[in-house]
Amino acid sequence: MRIGVVSDIHSNLFALEVVLEEFAGLAPDTIVCAGDIVGYGAHPNECCRRISNEVDLAIEGNHDAAALTRDTYRMNPYAAAAALWTNERLDESSRKYLGSLRPFGSFDAGREQVSVHHGSDTNRDEYIYENSVDPEILRRCSSAFVILGHTHVPFARTFPAGMVINPGAVGQPRDGDPRAGYALLDTESRACQLMKVEYPVEEASEAILRAGLPMMLALRLSAGR
């Protein structure tokens, strides 16, 4: 099975539309999202609609939960401001969709199991980077493939028992490369392509400023940090 993988859209419609165009050409068998559809960016409702229409499995990220509940206790001031701004602008359809998302997901990919989590399998807010990923997560999830998000930094690490993948961020990369990140996983060949694509960063930044969101959220897009 060929799986298109995205995470951390963060209301960046400009980046999301380009990534979905890429998937239209790649024609994966299914597309999954590892959370944080909203937060930070200026187009939460539009991103909810695109994800709900075109992604087969999406899970809840910490920003999705904060946008619904207004619970920003663990967030920095910029993230908290964006979550509260988003909460005030979500339409009924987006609220219903975000409220339907589960904290994790799993599915069969032929003979293999795939698990999807936002942070770690035990803590949605935990950051798992390539140098700290523990292969025990594969055993705990009873899966050959575990997909993570949250860090905004891509990696694909292979272990004897399987593979742990983070596609990076569509909407707010933090790996020093401002291009939108996504991945294509082939479960039969056990190969994962970590991919990047240009999108109109300046337009996304200008939309953030027009919306009255913190300037920091606009400036960091061009730096990829």
N, C-alpha and C. Protein backbone atom coordinates (compact mmCIF):
# COMPACT_ATOMS: atom_id res chain seq x y z
N MET A 1 0.84 -1.20 0.00
CA MET A 1 0.00 0.00 0.00
C MET A 1 0.88 1.25 0.00
N ARG A 2 0.48 2.22 -0.80
CA ARG A 2 1.17 3.51 -0.84
C ARG A 2 0.34 4.52 -0.05
N ILE A 3 0.95 5.10 0.98
CA ILE A 3 0.24 5.98 1.90
C ILE A 3 0.81 7.39 1.83
N GLY A 4 -0.04 8.35 1.52
CA GLY A 4 0.36 9.74 1.61
C GLY A 4 0.22 10.19 3.06
N VAL A 5 1.25 10.86 3.58
CA VAL A 5 1.28 11.22 4.99
C VAL A 5 1.50 12.73 5.15
N VAL A 6 0.62 13.36 5.92
CA VAL A 6 0.79 14.77 6.26
C VAL A 6 0.59 14.95 7.76
N SER A 7 1.05 16.09 8.25
CA SER A 7 0.83 16.46 9.64
C SER A 7 1.00 17.96 9.78
N ASP A 8 0.49 18.49 10.87
CA ASP A 8 0.74 19.88 11.25
C ASP A 8 0.47 20.86 10.10
N ILE A 9 -0.79 20.86 9.67
CA ILE A 9 -1.24 21.76 8.61
C ILE A 9 -1.27 23.19 9.14
N HIS A 10 -1.77 23.36 10.35
CA HIS A 10 -1.79 24.63 11.06
C HIS A 10 -2.44 25.76 10.27
N SER A 11 -3.62 25.44 9.70
CA SER A 11 -4.45 26.47 9.05
C SER A 11 -3.72 27.18 7.91
N ASN A 12 -2.70 26.55 7.35
CA ASN A 12 -1.96 27.13 6.23
C ASN A 12 -2.54 26.56 4.94
N LEU A 13 -3.58 27.21 4.44
CA LEU A 13 -4.27 26.72 3.25
C LEU A 13 -3.37 26.75 2.03
N PHE A 14 -2.50 27.73 1.94
CA PHE A 14 -1.62 27.86 0.78
C PHE A 14 -0.71 26.64 0.64
N ALA A 15 -0.15 26.19 1.77
CA ALA A 15 0.72 25.01 1.75
C ALA A 15 -0.09 23.74 1.52
N LEU A 16 -1.25 23.64 2.19
CA LEU A 16 -2.06 22.43 2.07
C LEU A 16 -2.51 22.20 0.64
N GLU A 17 -2.95 23.24 -0.05
CA GLU A 17 -3.43 23.07 -1.42
C GLU A 17 -2.33 22.55 -2.33
N VAL A 18 -1.11 23.02 -2.14
CA VAL A 18 0.00 22.55 -2.98
C VAL A 18 0.31 21.08 -2.69
N VAL A 19 0.31 20.70 -1.42
CA VAL A 19 0.59 19.31 -1.07
C VAL A 19 -0.50 18.38 -1.62
N LEU A 20 -1.75 18.79 -1.53
CA LEU A 20 -2.83 17.96 -2.07
C LEU A 20 -2.73 17.84 -3.58
N GLU A 21 -2.25 18.87 -4.24
CA GLU A 21 -1.99 18.78 -5.68
C GLU A 21 -0.90 17.74 -5.97
N GLU A 22 0.12 17.72 -5.13
CA GLU A 22 1.18 16.71 -5.28
C GLU A 22 0.61 15.31 -5.14
N PHE A 23 -0.25 15.10 -4.16
CA PHE A 23 -0.86 13.79 -3.97
C PHE A 23 -1.75 13.41 -5.15
N ALA A 24 -2.40 14.37 -5.76
CA ALA A 24 -3.22 14.07 -6.93
C ALA A 24 -2.38 13.45 -8.04
N GLY A 25 -1.14 13.90 -8.17
CA GLY A 25 -0.24 13.32 -9.17
C GLY A 25 0.36 12.01 -8.73
N LEU A 26 0.66 11.86 -7.44
CA LEU A 26 1.27 10.63 -6.93
C LEU A 26 0.26 9.50 -6.77
N ALA A 27 -1.01 9.84 -6.59
CA ALA A 27 -2.11 8.87 -6.47
C ALA A 27 -1.84 7.78 -5.43
N PRO A 28 -1.61 8.16 -4.16
CA PRO A 28 -1.47 7.13 -3.12
C PRO A 28 -2.78 6.39 -2.92
N ASP A 29 -2.71 5.21 -2.31
CA ASP A 29 -3.92 4.43 -2.04
C ASP A 29 -4.77 5.06 -0.95
N THR A 30 -4.11 5.75 -0.02
CA THR A 30 -4.82 6.42 1.06
C THR A 30 -3.97 7.58 1.55
N ILE A 31 -4.60 8.53 2.23
CA ILE A 31 -3.89 9.68 2.81
C ILE A 31 -4.26 9.77 4.28
N VAL A 32 -3.25 9.98 5.14
CA VAL A 32 -3.50 10.12 6.57
C VAL A 32 -2.89 11.42 7.07
N CYS A 33 -3.46 11.95 8.15
CA CYS A 33 -2.99 13.19 8.77
C CYS A 33 -2.76 12.94 10.25
N ALA A 34 -1.57 13.28 10.74
CA ALA A 34 -1.20 13.02 12.13
C ALA A 34 -1.49 14.20 13.05
N GLY A 35 -2.50 15.00 12.71
CA GLY A 35 -2.99 16.00 13.64
C GLY A 35 -2.53 17.42 13.41
N ASP A 36 -3.10 18.32 14.20
CA ASP A 36 -2.89 19.77 14.12
C ASP A 36 -3.28 20.32 12.75
N ILE A 37 -4.54 20.17 12.45
CA ILE A 37 -5.11 20.74 11.24
C ILE A 37 -5.18 22.26 11.38
N VAL A 38 -5.46 22.74 12.58
CA VAL A 38 -5.62 24.18 12.80
C VAL A 38 -4.55 24.70 13.76
N GLY A 39 -4.63 26.01 14.03
CA GLY A 39 -3.65 26.67 14.89
C GLY A 39 -2.62 27.41 14.06
N TYR A 40 -2.17 28.55 14.52
CA TYR A 40 -1.12 29.38 13.93
C TYR A 40 -1.57 30.16 12.69
N GLY A 41 -2.18 29.51 11.72
CA GLY A 41 -2.47 30.14 10.44
C GLY A 41 -3.84 30.78 10.35
N ALA A 42 -4.14 31.35 9.17
CA ALA A 42 -5.30 32.22 9.00
C ALA A 42 -6.53 31.55 8.40
N HIS A 43 -6.45 30.27 8.02
CA HIS A 43 -7.57 29.65 7.32
C HIS A 43 -7.99 28.32 7.95
N PRO A 44 -8.45 28.34 9.20
CA PRO A 44 -8.83 27.08 9.86
C PRO A 44 -10.01 26.38 9.22
N ASN A 45 -11.06 27.10 8.86
CA ASN A 45 -12.24 26.45 8.30
C ASN A 45 -11.97 25.85 6.93
N GLU A 46 -11.22 26.56 6.12
CA GLU A 46 -10.89 26.05 4.79
C GLU A 46 -10.03 24.79 4.89
N CYS A 47 -9.10 24.76 5.83
CA CYS A 47 -8.25 23.58 5.98
C CYS A 47 -9.05 22.40 6.53
N CYS A 48 -9.96 22.66 7.44
CA CYS A 48 -10.82 21.57 7.93
C CYS A 48 -11.62 20.96 6.79
N ARG A 49 -12.14 21.79 5.92
CA ARG A 49 -12.93 21.27 4.80
C ARG A 49 -12.07 20.43 3.86
N ARG A 50 -10.88 20.93 3.53
CA ARG A 50 -10.03 20.16 2.60
C ARG A 50 -9.60 18.83 3.21
N ILE A 51 -9.22 18.85 4.48
CA ILE A 51 -8.79 17.61 5.13
C ILE A 51 -9.96 16.64 5.24
N SER A 52 -11.11 17.11 5.65
CA SER A 52 -12.26 16.21 5.82
C SER A 52 -12.70 15.61 4.50
N ASN A 53 -12.51 16.34 3.41
CA ASN A 53 -12.93 15.85 2.10
C ASN A 53 -11.91 14.95 1.43
N GLU A 54 -10.62 15.14 1.72
CA GLU A 54 -9.59 14.49 0.91
C GLU A 54 -8.65 13.57 1.69
N VAL A 55 -8.77 13.55 3.01
CA VAL A 55 -7.91 12.69 3.82
C VAL A 55 -8.75 11.57 4.41
N ASP A 56 -8.24 10.36 4.33
CA ASP A 56 -9.01 9.18 4.75
C ASP A 56 -8.99 8.96 6.26
N LEU A 57 -7.88 9.29 6.90
CA LEU A 57 -7.78 9.15 8.35
C LEU A 57 -7.04 10.35 8.90
N ALA A 58 -7.66 11.09 9.79
CA ALA A 58 -7.01 12.19 10.50
C ALA A 58 -7.24 12.00 11.99
N ILE A 59 -6.25 12.39 12.78
CA ILE A 59 -6.38 12.31 14.23
C ILE A 59 -6.27 13.71 14.83
N GLU A 60 -6.58 13.80 16.12
CA GLU A 60 -6.57 15.09 16.81
C GLU A 60 -5.16 15.43 17.29
N GLY A 61 -4.74 16.66 17.00
CA GLY A 61 -3.50 17.18 17.56
C GLY A 61 -3.78 18.09 18.73
N ASN A 62 -2.75 18.53 19.42
CA ASN A 62 -2.94 19.38 20.59
C ASN A 62 -3.55 20.74 20.22
N HIS A 63 -3.21 21.27 19.06
CA HIS A 63 -3.80 22.55 18.64
C HIS A 63 -5.26 22.39 18.24
N ASP A 64 -5.61 21.26 17.68
CA ASP A 64 -7.02 21.00 17.37
C ASP A 64 -7.85 20.99 18.65
N ALA A 65 -7.33 20.32 19.67
CA ALA A 65 -8.04 20.25 20.95
C ALA A 65 -8.13 21.63 21.60
N ALA A 66 -7.05 22.40 21.56
CA ALA A 66 -7.05 23.72 22.18
C ALA A 66 -8.01 24.67 21.48
N ALA A 67 -8.12 24.55 20.16
CA ALA A 67 -9.03 25.41 19.42
C ALA A 67 -10.48 25.14 19.78
N LEU A 68 -10.77 23.91 20.17
CA LEU A 68 -12.14 23.57 20.56
C LEU A 68 -12.43 23.93 22.02
N THR A 69 -11.48 23.69 22.89
CA THR A 69 -11.73 23.81 24.33
C THR A 69 -11.27 25.12 24.94
N ARG A 70 -10.40 25.87 24.22
CA ARG A 70 -9.77 27.08 24.73
C ARG A 70 -8.82 26.78 25.89
N ASP A 71 -8.42 25.53 26.04
CA ASP A 71 -7.46 25.15 27.07
C ASP A 71 -6.06 25.32 26.49
N THR A 72 -5.38 26.40 26.85
CA THR A 72 -4.06 26.71 26.31
C THR A 72 -2.97 26.65 27.38
N TYR A 73 -3.22 25.89 28.44
CA TYR A 73 -2.34 25.88 29.61
C TYR A 73 -0.89 25.56 29.25
N ARG A 74 -0.66 24.60 28.36
CA ARG A 74 0.71 24.17 28.06
C ARG A 74 1.32 24.90 26.86
N MET A 75 0.64 25.90 26.33
CA MET A 75 1.08 26.55 25.10
C MET A 75 1.89 27.82 25.38
N ASN A 76 2.81 28.13 24.47
CA ASN A 76 3.51 29.41 24.55
C ASN A 76 2.54 30.52 24.16
N PRO A 77 2.88 31.78 24.42
CA PRO A 77 1.92 32.86 24.17
C PRO A 77 1.44 32.97 22.73
N TYR A 78 2.33 32.70 21.76
CA TYR A 78 1.94 32.80 20.35
C TYR A 78 0.94 31.70 19.99
N ALA A 79 1.23 30.49 20.42
CA ALA A 79 0.33 29.36 20.16
C ALA A 79 -1.01 29.57 20.85
N ALA A 80 -0.97 30.06 22.07
CA ALA A 80 -2.21 30.29 22.82
C ALA A 80 -3.07 31.35 22.15
N ALA A 81 -2.44 32.43 21.70
CA ALA A 81 -3.19 33.49 21.02
C ALA A 81 -3.85 32.97 19.76
N ALA A 82 -3.12 32.14 19.01
CA ALA A 82 -3.67 31.57 17.78
C ALA A 82 -4.81 30.61 18.08
N ALA A 83 -4.68 29.83 19.15
CA ALA A 83 -5.74 28.88 19.50
C ALA A 83 -7.03 29.61 19.87
N LEU A 84 -6.91 30.69 20.63
CA LEU A 84 -8.09 31.45 21.02
C LEU A 84 -8.70 32.17 19.82
N TRP A 85 -7.85 32.71 18.95
CA TRP A 85 -8.32 33.34 17.70
C TRP A 85 -9.08 32.32 16.86
N THR A 86 -8.53 31.11 16.75
CA THR A 86 -9.17 30.06 15.97
C THR A 86 -10.51 29.67 16.57
N ASN A 87 -10.56 29.53 17.88
CA ASN A 87 -11.80 29.16 18.56
C ASN A 87 -12.93 30.12 18.21
N GLU A 88 -12.61 31.39 18.12
CA GLU A 88 -13.63 32.40 17.85
C GLU A 88 -14.10 32.40 16.39
N ARG A 89 -13.36 31.73 15.51
CA ARG A 89 -13.68 31.78 14.09
C ARG A 89 -14.10 30.44 13.48
N LEU A 90 -14.02 29.37 14.25
CA LEU A 90 -14.45 28.08 13.72
C LEU A 90 -15.94 28.10 13.43
N ASP A 91 -16.31 27.63 12.24
CA ASP A 91 -17.73 27.53 11.94
C ASP A 91 -18.27 26.20 12.47
N GLU A 92 -19.56 26.02 12.37
CA GLU A 92 -20.19 24.83 12.96
C GLU A 92 -19.66 23.54 12.34
N SER A 93 -19.45 23.56 11.03
CA SER A 93 -18.96 22.36 10.35
C SER A 93 -17.56 22.00 10.84
N SER A 94 -16.70 22.99 11.00
CA SER A 94 -15.33 22.73 11.47
C SER A 94 -15.32 22.24 12.90
N ARG A 95 -16.16 22.82 13.75
CA ARG A 95 -16.24 22.36 15.13
C ARG A 95 -16.67 20.90 15.20
N LYS A 96 -17.66 20.58 14.40
CA LYS A 96 -18.14 19.20 14.38
C LYS A 96 -17.05 18.25 13.90
N TYR A 97 -16.34 18.65 12.86
CA TYR A 97 -15.29 17.78 12.32
C TYR A 97 -14.15 17.61 13.33
N LEU A 98 -13.64 18.71 13.87
CA LEU A 98 -12.55 18.60 14.83
C LEU A 98 -12.98 17.80 16.06
N GLY A 99 -14.23 17.97 16.47
CA GLY A 99 -14.74 17.23 17.62
C GLY A 99 -14.87 15.74 17.37
N SER A 100 -14.90 15.35 16.11
CA SER A 100 -15.03 13.93 15.77
C SER A 100 -13.69 13.20 15.73
N LEU A 101 -12.60 13.95 15.76
CA LEU A 101 -11.28 13.33 15.62
C LEU A 101 -10.89 12.58 16.89
N ARG A 102 -10.32 11.39 16.69
CA ARG A 102 -9.84 10.59 17.81
C ARG A 102 -8.38 10.94 18.11
N PRO A 103 -7.87 10.64 19.31
CA PRO A 103 -6.49 10.97 19.66
C PRO A 103 -5.45 10.09 18.96
N PHE A 104 -5.87 9.00 18.37
CA PHE A 104 -4.94 8.15 17.60
C PHE A 104 -5.77 7.31 16.63
N GLY A 105 -5.07 6.68 15.69
CA GLY A 105 -5.77 5.83 14.73
C GLY A 105 -4.88 4.69 14.28
N SER A 106 -5.49 3.67 13.72
CA SER A 106 -4.73 2.54 13.18
C SER A 106 -5.54 1.89 12.08
N PHE A 107 -4.84 1.21 11.18
CA PHE A 107 -5.50 0.52 10.09
C PHE A 107 -4.57 -0.53 9.51
N ASP A 108 -5.16 -1.47 8.79
CA ASP A 108 -4.39 -2.52 8.13
C ASP A 108 -3.93 -2.05 6.76
N ALA A 109 -2.66 -2.28 6.47
CA ALA A 109 -2.11 -2.00 5.15
C ALA A 109 -1.62 -3.33 4.59
N GLY A 110 -2.53 -4.08 4.01
CA GLY A 110 -2.18 -5.44 3.59
C GLY A 110 -1.97 -6.30 4.80
N ARG A 111 -0.79 -6.88 4.92
CA ARG A 111 -0.49 -7.75 6.06
C ARG A 111 0.11 -7.00 7.25
N GLU A 112 0.30 -5.69 7.08
CA GLU A 112 0.95 -4.89 8.11
C GLU A 112 -0.05 -3.94 8.78
N GLN A 113 0.24 -3.58 10.02
CA GLN A 113 -0.57 -2.62 10.76
C GLN A 113 0.14 -1.27 10.78
N VAL A 114 -0.64 -0.20 10.60
CA VAL A 114 -0.13 1.17 10.65
C VAL A 114 -0.83 1.89 11.80
N SER A 115 -0.05 2.56 12.66
CA SER A 115 -0.61 3.34 13.75
C SER A 115 -0.24 4.81 13.56
N VAL A 116 -1.16 5.69 13.92
CA VAL A 116 -0.97 7.13 13.73
C VAL A 116 -1.18 7.84 15.07
N HIS A 117 -0.18 8.60 15.51
CA HIS A 117 -0.25 9.36 16.76
C HIS A 117 0.28 10.76 16.48
N HIS A 118 -0.09 11.72 17.33
CA HIS A 118 0.41 13.08 17.12
C HIS A 118 1.76 13.27 17.79
N GLY A 119 1.83 13.12 19.10
CA GLY A 119 3.09 13.24 19.81
C GLY A 119 3.76 11.88 19.90
N SER A 120 3.49 11.17 21.00
CA SER A 120 3.92 9.78 21.11
C SER A 120 2.67 8.92 21.28
N ASP A 121 2.87 7.62 21.43
CA ASP A 121 1.72 6.74 21.61
C ASP A 121 1.13 6.85 23.01
N THR A 122 1.84 7.48 23.92
CA THR A 122 1.35 7.61 25.30
C THR A 122 1.06 9.05 25.70
N ASN A 123 1.53 10.03 24.93
CA ASN A 123 1.37 11.43 25.31
C ASN A 123 1.32 12.30 24.06
N ARG A 124 0.17 12.89 23.81
CA ARG A 124 -0.02 13.71 22.62
C ARG A 124 0.92 14.91 22.57
N ASP A 125 1.39 15.38 23.73
CA ASP A 125 2.24 16.57 23.79
C ASP A 125 3.74 16.24 23.81
N GLU A 126 4.09 14.97 23.72
CA GLU A 126 5.50 14.59 23.79
C GLU A 126 6.15 14.74 22.42
N TYR A 127 7.36 15.32 22.42
CA TYR A 127 8.11 15.51 21.17
C TYR A 127 9.05 14.32 20.96
N ILE A 128 8.87 13.63 19.85
CA ILE A 128 9.73 12.50 19.50
C ILE A 128 10.53 12.86 18.25
N TYR A 129 11.84 13.05 18.42
CA TYR A 129 12.72 13.37 17.30
C TYR A 129 13.46 12.12 16.86
N GLU A 130 14.11 12.20 15.72
CA GLU A 130 14.77 11.02 15.16
C GLU A 130 15.80 10.44 16.11
N ASN A 131 16.57 11.30 16.77
CA ASN A 131 17.63 10.78 17.64
C ASN A 131 17.11 10.26 18.97
N SER A 132 15.82 10.45 19.23
CA SER A 132 15.26 9.97 20.51
C SER A 132 14.18 8.91 20.33
N VAL A 133 13.88 8.55 19.08
CA VAL A 133 12.81 7.59 18.86
C VAL A 133 13.22 6.22 19.39
N ASP A 134 12.32 5.59 20.10
CA ASP A 134 12.57 4.29 20.72
C ASP A 134 11.84 3.22 19.90
N PRO A 135 12.55 2.20 19.42
CA PRO A 135 11.87 1.16 18.62
C PRO A 135 10.79 0.42 19.40
N GLU A 136 10.78 0.57 20.73
CA GLU A 136 9.74 -0.07 21.53
C GLU A 136 8.35 0.45 21.18
N ILE A 137 8.29 1.63 20.57
CA ILE A 137 7.00 2.17 20.19
C ILE A 137 6.30 1.26 19.18
N LEU A 138 7.07 0.57 18.36
CA LEU A 138 6.50 -0.37 17.39
C LEU A 138 5.84 -1.54 18.11
N ARG A 139 6.51 -2.02 19.15
CA ARG A 139 5.93 -3.13 19.92
C ARG A 139 4.69 -2.69 20.67
N ARG A 140 4.77 -1.52 21.30
CA ARG A 140 3.63 -1.03 22.07
C ARG A 140 2.40 -0.81 21.19
N CYS A 141 2.63 -0.37 19.97
CA CYS A 141 1.53 -0.11 19.05
C CYS A 141 1.13 -1.35 18.25
N SER A 142 1.87 -2.45 18.42
CA SER A 142 1.61 -3.68 17.66
C SER A 142 1.53 -3.38 16.17
N SER A 143 2.47 -2.56 15.69
CA SER A 143 2.44 -2.09 14.31
C SER A 143 3.82 -2.16 13.69
N ALA A 144 3.83 -2.39 12.38
CA ALA A 144 5.08 -2.36 11.63
C ALA A 144 5.45 -0.94 11.23
N PHE A 145 4.45 -0.06 11.22
CA PHE A 145 4.68 1.34 10.84
C PHE A 145 3.96 2.24 11.84
N VAL A 146 4.70 3.18 12.40
CA VAL A 146 4.11 4.18 13.31
C VAL A 146 4.37 5.56 12.72
N ILE A 147 3.31 6.32 12.56
CA ILE A 147 3.38 7.67 12.02
C ILE A 147 3.16 8.67 13.15
N LEU A 148 4.07 9.65 13.26
CA LEU A 148 4.01 10.67 14.29
C LEU A 148 4.00 12.06 13.66
N GLY A 149 3.66 13.06 14.46
CA GLY A 149 3.73 14.46 14.02
C GLY A 149 4.32 15.30 15.14
N HIS A 150 3.79 16.52 15.32
CA HIS A 150 4.03 17.38 16.48
C HIS A 150 5.35 18.13 16.45
N THR A 151 6.46 17.53 16.02
CA THR A 151 7.76 18.20 16.07
C THR A 151 7.96 19.16 14.91
N HIS A 152 7.27 18.95 13.80
CA HIS A 152 7.44 19.72 12.56
C HIS A 152 8.79 19.44 11.90
N VAL A 153 9.45 18.37 12.30
CA VAL A 153 10.76 18.00 11.75
C VAL A 153 10.65 16.58 11.18
N PRO A 154 10.94 16.41 9.88
CA PRO A 154 10.74 15.10 9.26
C PRO A 154 11.84 14.09 9.57
N PHE A 155 11.45 12.83 9.65
CA PHE A 155 12.41 11.73 9.69
C PHE A 155 11.69 10.44 9.32
N ALA A 156 12.47 9.47 8.90
CA ALA A 156 11.98 8.11 8.67
C ALA A 156 13.08 7.17 9.15
N ARG A 157 12.83 6.50 10.24
CA ARG A 157 13.86 5.66 10.85
C ARG A 157 13.41 4.20 10.84
N THR A 158 14.28 3.36 10.32
CA THR A 158 13.97 1.94 10.17
C THR A 158 14.62 1.12 11.28
N PHE A 159 13.85 0.19 11.84
CA PHE A 159 14.32 -0.75 12.85
C PHE A 159 14.00 -2.16 12.37
N PRO A 160 14.58 -3.19 12.99
CA PRO A 160 14.26 -4.56 12.57
C PRO A 160 12.76 -4.86 12.59
N ALA A 161 12.03 -4.26 13.53
CA ALA A 161 10.60 -4.55 13.66
C ALA A 161 9.72 -3.69 12.78
N GLY A 162 10.30 -2.64 12.16
CA GLY A 162 9.47 -1.78 11.33
C GLY A 162 10.05 -0.39 11.19
N MET A 163 9.17 0.61 11.01
CA MET A 163 9.60 1.96 10.69
C MET A 163 8.77 2.98 11.46
N VAL A 164 9.44 4.03 11.93
CA VAL A 164 8.78 5.16 12.58
C VAL A 164 8.99 6.39 11.69
N ILE A 165 7.90 7.10 11.41
CA ILE A 165 7.92 8.16 10.40
C ILE A 165 7.32 9.44 10.96
N ASN A 166 7.94 10.55 10.64
CA ASN A 166 7.33 11.86 10.85
C ASN A 166 7.48 12.61 9.53
N PRO A 167 6.37 13.04 8.91
CA PRO A 167 6.47 13.70 7.60
C PRO A 167 6.92 15.15 7.67
N GLY A 168 7.13 15.66 8.90
CA GLY A 168 7.38 17.09 9.04
C GLY A 168 6.07 17.84 8.99
N ALA A 169 6.14 19.14 8.78
CA ALA A 169 4.94 19.97 8.80
C ALA A 169 4.59 20.48 7.42
N VAL A 170 3.31 20.41 7.11
CA VAL A 170 2.81 21.08 5.91
C VAL A 170 2.86 22.59 6.11
N GLY A 171 2.33 23.06 7.24
CA GLY A 171 2.05 24.47 7.38
C GLY A 171 3.02 25.32 8.16
N GLN A 172 3.93 24.70 8.93
CA GLN A 172 4.91 25.48 9.68
C GLN A 172 6.17 24.64 9.93
N PRO A 173 6.97 24.40 8.88
CA PRO A 173 8.18 23.59 9.04
C PRO A 173 9.15 24.20 10.05
N ARG A 174 9.89 23.32 10.73
CA ARG A 174 10.88 23.77 11.71
C ARG A 174 12.22 23.09 11.52
N ASP A 175 12.49 22.69 10.30
CA ASP A 175 13.76 22.02 9.99
C ASP A 175 14.70 22.92 9.20
N GLY A 176 14.40 24.21 9.15
CA GLY A 176 15.23 25.15 8.41
C GLY A 176 14.90 25.23 6.93
N ASP A 177 13.95 24.46 6.47
CA ASP A 177 13.51 24.47 5.08
C ASP A 177 12.06 24.93 5.05
N PRO A 178 11.76 26.11 4.53
CA PRO A 178 10.40 26.64 4.60
C PRO A 178 9.39 25.94 3.70
N ARG A 179 9.83 25.07 2.83
CA ARG A 179 8.89 24.37 1.95
C ARG A 179 7.99 23.43 2.74
N ALA A 180 6.79 23.20 2.22
CA ALA A 180 5.84 22.31 2.88
C ALA A 180 6.35 20.88 2.85
N GLY A 181 6.23 20.19 3.98
CA GLY A 181 6.72 18.82 4.08
C GLY A 181 5.59 17.80 4.06
N TYR A 182 5.85 16.66 3.46
CA TYR A 182 4.92 15.54 3.45
C TYR A 182 5.71 14.28 3.15
N ALA A 183 5.06 13.13 3.17
CA ALA A 183 5.77 11.88 2.93
C ALA A 183 4.92 10.92 2.13
N LEU A 184 5.60 9.99 1.47
CA LEU A 184 4.94 8.90 0.75
C LEU A 184 5.55 7.60 1.25
N LEU A 185 4.73 6.80 1.92
CA LEU A 185 5.17 5.54 2.51
C LEU A 185 4.66 4.37 1.68
N ASP A 186 5.57 3.46 1.32
CA ASP A 186 5.21 2.24 0.61
C ASP A 186 5.41 1.07 1.57
N THR A 187 4.33 0.47 2.03
CA THR A 187 4.45 -0.57 3.05
C THR A 187 4.98 -1.88 2.47
N GLU A 188 4.82 -2.11 1.18
CA GLU A 188 5.32 -3.35 0.58
C GLU A 188 6.83 -3.33 0.45
N SER A 189 7.37 -2.23 -0.03
CA SER A 189 8.83 -2.12 -0.19
C SER A 189 9.50 -1.61 1.08
N ARG A 190 8.69 -1.22 2.07
CA ARG A 190 9.19 -0.65 3.33
C ARG A 190 10.11 0.54 3.06
N ALA A 191 9.64 1.42 2.20
CA ALA A 191 10.38 2.62 1.83
C ALA A 191 9.52 3.85 2.12
N CYS A 192 10.16 4.91 2.56
CA CYS A 192 9.45 6.16 2.82
C CYS A 192 10.22 7.31 2.17
N GLN A 193 9.54 8.07 1.36
CA GLN A 193 10.11 9.25 0.75
C GLN A 193 9.65 10.48 1.53
N LEU A 194 10.61 11.21 2.09
CA LEU A 194 10.32 12.48 2.75
C LEU A 194 10.43 13.57 1.69
N MET A 195 9.36 14.32 1.49
CA MET A 195 9.29 15.21 0.35
C MET A 195 9.02 16.65 0.79
N LYS A 196 9.45 17.57 -0.06
CA LYS A 196 9.24 19.00 0.16
C LYS A 196 8.73 19.63 -1.13
N VAL A 197 7.89 20.66 -0.98
CA VAL A 197 7.37 21.34 -2.16
C VAL A 197 7.23 22.83 -1.85
N GLU A 198 7.56 23.64 -2.84
CA GLU A 198 7.41 25.09 -2.71
C GLU A 198 5.93 25.46 -2.63
N TYR A 199 5.65 26.49 -1.85
CA TYR A 199 4.30 27.06 -1.83
C TYR A 199 4.45 28.57 -1.61
N PRO A 200 3.41 29.35 -1.83
CA PRO A 200 3.54 30.82 -1.68
C PRO A 200 3.63 31.26 -0.22
N VAL A 201 4.83 31.20 0.32
CA VAL A 201 5.06 31.53 1.73
C VAL A 201 4.65 32.96 2.04
N GLU A 202 4.99 33.90 1.14
CA GLU A 202 4.67 35.30 1.40
C GLU A 202 3.16 35.52 1.52
N GLU A 203 2.38 34.83 0.71
CA GLU A 203 0.93 34.97 0.79
C GLU A 203 0.40 34.43 2.11
N ALA A 204 0.96 33.31 2.56
CA ALA A 204 0.55 32.75 3.85
C ALA A 204 0.90 33.70 4.99
N SER A 205 2.08 34.31 4.91
CA SER A 205 2.51 35.25 5.95
C SER A 205 1.62 36.49 5.97
N GLU A 206 1.32 37.00 4.79
CA GLU A 206 0.47 38.20 4.70
C GLU A 206 -0.93 37.91 5.24
N ALA A 207 -1.44 36.72 4.99
CA ALA A 207 -2.77 36.36 5.50
C ALA A 207 -2.77 36.32 7.02
N ILE A 208 -1.69 35.85 7.63
CA ILE A 208 -1.58 35.83 9.09
C ILE A 208 -1.61 37.24 9.65
N LEU A 209 -0.86 38.15 9.01
CA LEU A 209 -0.83 39.53 9.49
C LEU A 209 -2.18 40.22 9.30
N ARG A 210 -2.83 39.99 8.17
CA ARG A 210 -4.15 40.59 7.94
C ARG A 210 -5.17 40.11 8.96
N ALA A 211 -5.00 38.87 9.40
CA ALA A 211 -5.95 38.30 10.36
C ALA A 211 -5.75 38.85 11.76
N GLY A 212 -4.64 39.55 11.99
CA GLY A 212 -4.37 40.08 13.32
C GLY A 212 -3.71 39.10 14.25
N LEU A 213 -3.19 38.02 13.71
CA LEU A 213 -2.45 37.04 14.51
C LEU A 213 -1.04 37.57 14.81
N PRO A 214 -0.34 36.99 15.78
CA PRO A 214 0.99 37.49 16.13
C PRO A 214 1.96 37.51 14.96
N MET A 215 2.73 38.60 14.85
CA MET A 215 3.68 38.75 13.75
C MET A 215 4.70 37.61 13.72
N MET A 216 5.06 37.11 14.88
CA MET A 216 6.03 36.01 14.96
C MET A 216 5.59 34.82 14.11
N LEU A 217 4.29 34.55 14.07
CA LEU A 217 3.78 33.41 13.32
C LEU A 217 3.92 33.61 11.83
N ALA A 218 3.92 34.86 11.39
CA ALA A 218 4.15 35.16 9.97
C ALA A 218 5.63 35.11 9.63
N LEU A 219 6.46 35.66 10.48
CA LEU A 219 7.89 35.76 10.19
C LEU A 219 8.57 34.40 10.14
N ARG A 220 8.11 33.47 10.99
CA ARG A 220 8.84 32.20 11.07
C ARG A 220 8.60 31.32 9.85
N LEU A 221 7.57 31.58 9.06
CA LEU A 221 7.32 30.74 7.88
C LEU A 221 8.46 30.81 6.89
N SER A 222 9.00 32.00 6.66
CA SER A 222 10.06 32.14 5.67
C SER A 222 11.39 31.57 6.16
N ALA A 223 11.53 31.43 7.47
CA ALA A 223 12.76 30.86 8.04
C ALA A 223 12.69 29.35 8.18
N GLY A 224 11.48 28.80 8.16
CA GLY A 224 11.34 27.37 8.37
C GLY A 224 11.74 26.96 9.76
N ARG A 225 11.48 27.83 10.73
CA ARG A 225 11.86 27.56 12.13
C ARG A 225 10.69 27.82 13.06
